[in-house]
């Protein structure tokens, strides 16, 4: 017996943005999640213009106006993947709702994996990094800007202090189970 053919076009793969404060594990979790899903991983830090990197390296937090071009570049990369019908996992802090809304402006589906972590753990992780422009002194500014995703956003919240394999397994399970996701799309900017 044949299955009926759907007249509906298949849904394009969603872009997944692994978000959270510096030190939450966005790159490590994002890389592992992309590998588990068989899609490309993109490091959002690579889209920062030199001025942003200089500012953070000097211990100065980014302001909203410093982030717009950076977020637009990441949104452009998401849009490119969606036009090609490719899945994508992106590491991007996406700390504020307005930043997440900007990433969603592509018109495609963007889902967020919020890596929730305590201030002390995040600061310790950032302090242990080598060869990264983000100093531990900026950890407090990250938490000051953080607006955890609201119930109406396509987001899941995970405890980022757990083992990487556990976080990735939980992300995969929750991303596959769409029952907890809101039915309305995120607002467009």
Protein backbone atom coordinates (compact mmCIF):
# COMPACT_ATOMS: atom_id res chain seq x y z
CA UNK A 1 0.00 0.00 0.00
CA UNK A 2 1.40 3.38 -0.97
CA UNK A 3 1.45 6.37 1.30
CA UNK A 4 -0.62 9.31 0.07
CA UNK A 5 1.40 12.05 -1.60
CA UNK A 6 1.17 15.32 0.23
CA UNK A 7 0.43 18.39 -1.82
CA UNK A 8 2.19 20.47 0.80
CA UNK A 9 5.82 21.38 0.19
CA UNK A 10 8.21 19.97 2.79
CA UNK A 11 9.21 22.41 5.48
CA UNK A 12 12.67 23.88 5.03
CA UNK A 13 15.14 22.95 7.76
CA UNK A 14 15.23 25.38 10.64
CA UNK A 15 18.35 27.26 11.52
CA UNK A 16 19.31 26.56 15.12
CA UNK A 17 20.99 29.34 17.08
CA UNK A 18 22.85 28.13 20.17
CA UNK A 19 22.71 31.17 22.42
CA UNK A 20 23.82 32.34 25.84
CA UNK A 21 26.40 34.37 27.67
CA UNK A 22 30.09 34.05 26.99
CA UNK A 23 31.37 30.88 28.63
CA UNK A 24 28.07 29.01 28.34
CA UNK A 25 29.53 26.61 25.77
CA UNK A 26 27.93 27.88 22.56
CA UNK A 27 30.83 26.79 20.34
CA UNK A 28 31.39 23.40 21.97
CA UNK A 29 27.68 22.53 22.15
CA UNK A 30 26.95 24.04 18.73
CA UNK A 31 29.74 22.08 17.05
CA UNK A 32 28.62 18.83 18.67
CA UNK A 33 24.95 19.48 17.90
CA UNK A 34 25.68 20.27 14.25
CA UNK A 35 27.72 17.06 13.94
CA UNK A 36 24.91 15.03 15.56
CA UNK A 37 22.35 16.56 13.18
CA UNK A 38 24.60 16.26 10.13
CA UNK A 39 24.47 19.98 9.32
CA UNK A 40 26.99 22.80 9.03
CA UNK A 41 28.20 24.73 12.09
CA UNK A 42 28.89 28.47 11.91
CA UNK A 43 30.78 30.40 14.60
CA UNK A 44 29.05 33.74 15.10
CA UNK A 45 32.20 35.33 16.51
CA UNK A 46 33.74 35.16 13.02
CA UNK A 47 31.20 37.75 11.84
CA UNK A 48 32.31 40.45 14.29
CA UNK A 49 33.92 43.42 12.56
CA UNK A 50 37.42 44.39 13.76
CA UNK A 51 35.96 47.34 15.72
CA UNK A 52 33.86 44.99 17.87
CA UNK A 53 36.81 42.71 18.56
CA UNK A 54 38.98 45.70 19.49
CA UNK A 55 36.29 47.02 21.79
CA UNK A 56 35.84 43.70 23.61
CA UNK A 57 39.60 43.08 23.75
CA UNK A 58 39.91 46.43 25.53
CA UNK A 59 37.38 45.25 28.14
CA UNK A 60 34.51 47.37 26.79
CA UNK A 61 31.11 45.70 26.36
CA UNK A 62 29.38 45.96 23.02
CA UNK A 63 26.51 48.39 22.73
CA UNK A 64 23.38 47.73 20.69
CA UNK A 65 24.70 49.86 17.81
CA UNK A 66 27.87 47.73 17.76
CA UNK A 67 25.83 44.57 17.33
CA UNK A 68 23.43 45.44 14.47
CA UNK A 69 25.86 44.85 11.59
CA UNK A 70 27.16 41.69 13.25
CA UNK A 71 23.64 40.31 13.73
CA UNK A 72 22.71 41.24 10.15
CA UNK A 73 25.75 39.34 8.83
CA UNK A 74 24.71 36.24 10.81
CA UNK A 75 21.09 36.63 9.62
CA UNK A 76 22.44 36.81 6.07
CA UNK A 77 24.30 33.53 6.55
CA UNK A 78 21.12 31.96 7.94
CA UNK A 79 19.13 33.25 4.94
CA UNK A 80 21.73 31.81 2.52
CA UNK A 81 21.45 28.37 4.13
CA UNK A 82 17.67 28.52 4.09
CA UNK A 83 17.60 29.50 0.40
CA UNK A 84 19.72 26.42 -0.32
CA UNK A 85 17.50 24.22 1.86
CA UNK A 86 20.37 23.46 4.23
CA UNK A 87 20.19 22.96 7.96
CA UNK A 88 22.52 25.14 10.02
CA UNK A 89 23.64 25.51 13.63
CA UNK A 90 25.00 28.93 14.60
CA UNK A 91 26.74 29.96 17.82
CA UNK A 92 25.61 33.50 18.70
CA UNK A 93 25.05 35.10 22.09
CA UNK A 94 21.65 36.54 21.01
CA UNK A 95 21.32 37.95 24.52
CA UNK A 96 18.32 40.24 23.99
CA UNK A 97 14.92 39.59 22.46
CA UNK A 98 15.53 42.34 19.91
CA UNK A 99 18.72 40.55 18.80
CA UNK A 100 16.87 37.26 18.39
CA UNK A 101 14.10 39.02 16.47
CA UNK A 102 16.76 40.47 14.16
CA UNK A 103 18.15 36.99 13.50
CA UNK A 104 14.63 35.84 12.62
CA UNK A 105 14.11 38.57 10.01
CA UNK A 106 15.14 36.16 7.23
CA UNK A 107 11.57 34.94 7.04
CA UNK A 108 12.77 31.36 7.51
CA UNK A 109 12.44 29.31 10.65
CA UNK A 110 14.96 30.01 13.40
CA UNK A 111 14.96 28.03 16.64
CA UNK A 112 17.02 28.87 19.71
CA UNK A 113 18.85 26.63 22.16
CA UNK A 114 19.46 28.76 25.27
CA UNK A 115 22.44 27.52 27.27
CA UNK A 116 21.63 28.62 30.80
CA UNK A 117 24.58 28.87 33.17
CA UNK A 118 25.49 30.58 36.43
CA UNK A 119 27.61 33.70 36.54
CA UNK A 120 30.49 32.10 38.49
CA UNK A 121 30.76 29.09 36.16
CA UNK A 122 30.65 31.33 33.07
CA UNK A 123 33.33 33.67 34.47
CA UNK A 124 35.59 30.73 35.36
CA UNK A 125 35.22 29.24 31.88
CA UNK A 126 35.98 32.57 30.18
CA UNK A 127 39.02 33.09 32.42
CA UNK A 128 40.40 29.68 31.37
CA UNK A 129 40.21 30.48 27.63
CA UNK A 130 43.31 31.27 25.69
CA UNK A 131 43.50 33.17 22.41
CA UNK A 132 39.99 34.63 22.64
CA UNK A 133 39.19 38.34 22.54
CA UNK A 134 36.50 38.21 25.25
CA UNK A 135 37.99 38.88 28.70
CA UNK A 136 36.42 37.51 31.88
CA UNK A 137 35.86 41.11 33.01
CA UNK A 138 32.97 41.34 30.53
CA UNK A 139 31.03 38.43 32.04
CA UNK A 140 28.93 40.75 34.22
CA UNK A 141 27.94 42.85 31.19
CA UNK A 142 26.75 39.69 29.42
CA UNK A 143 24.46 38.82 32.34
CA UNK A 144 23.26 42.44 32.55
CA UNK A 145 22.16 42.29 28.89
CA UNK A 146 20.69 38.77 29.04
CA UNK A 147 16.95 38.51 28.41
CA UNK A 148 16.16 34.79 28.54
CA UNK A 149 13.80 33.69 25.76
CA UNK A 150 10.13 34.24 26.48
CA UNK A 151 7.45 31.56 26.23
CA UNK A 152 6.37 32.80 22.79
CA UNK A 153 9.84 32.35 21.25
CA UNK A 154 10.91 29.15 19.50
CA UNK A 155 13.45 28.33 22.18
CA UNK A 156 14.46 25.59 24.52
CA UNK A 157 16.40 26.17 27.74
CA UNK A 158 19.15 23.78 28.80
CA UNK A 159 21.42 23.61 31.83
CA UNK A 160 24.84 24.33 30.30
CA UNK A 161 26.72 23.13 33.37
CA UNK A 162 25.98 19.50 32.41
CA UNK A 163 28.25 17.27 30.33
CA UNK A 164 28.41 18.21 26.65
CA UNK A 165 27.00 14.86 25.53
CA UNK A 166 24.03 15.25 27.90
CA UNK A 167 23.30 18.80 26.71
CA UNK A 168 23.48 17.74 23.06
CA UNK A 169 21.22 14.72 23.68
CA UNK A 170 18.68 16.90 25.47
CA UNK A 171 18.82 19.50 22.67
CA UNK A 172 18.23 16.85 20.01
CA UNK A 173 15.28 15.37 21.89
CA UNK A 174 13.63 18.72 22.59
CA UNK A 175 14.21 20.02 19.06
CA UNK A 176 12.56 16.87 17.69
CA UNK A 177 9.59 17.25 20.06
CA UNK A 178 7.81 20.30 18.69
CA UNK A 179 4.92 20.06 21.16
CA UNK A 180 6.48 22.64 23.49
CA UNK A 181 7.14 25.19 20.74
CA UNK A 182 4.78 28.13 20.26
CA UNK A 183 2.63 28.09 17.16
CA UNK A 184 3.19 31.76 16.31
CA UNK A 185 6.39 32.78 14.61
CA UNK A 186 8.71 35.25 16.29
CA UNK A 187 8.02 38.87 15.36
CA UNK A 188 9.89 40.19 12.35
CA UNK A 189 12.10 43.24 12.62
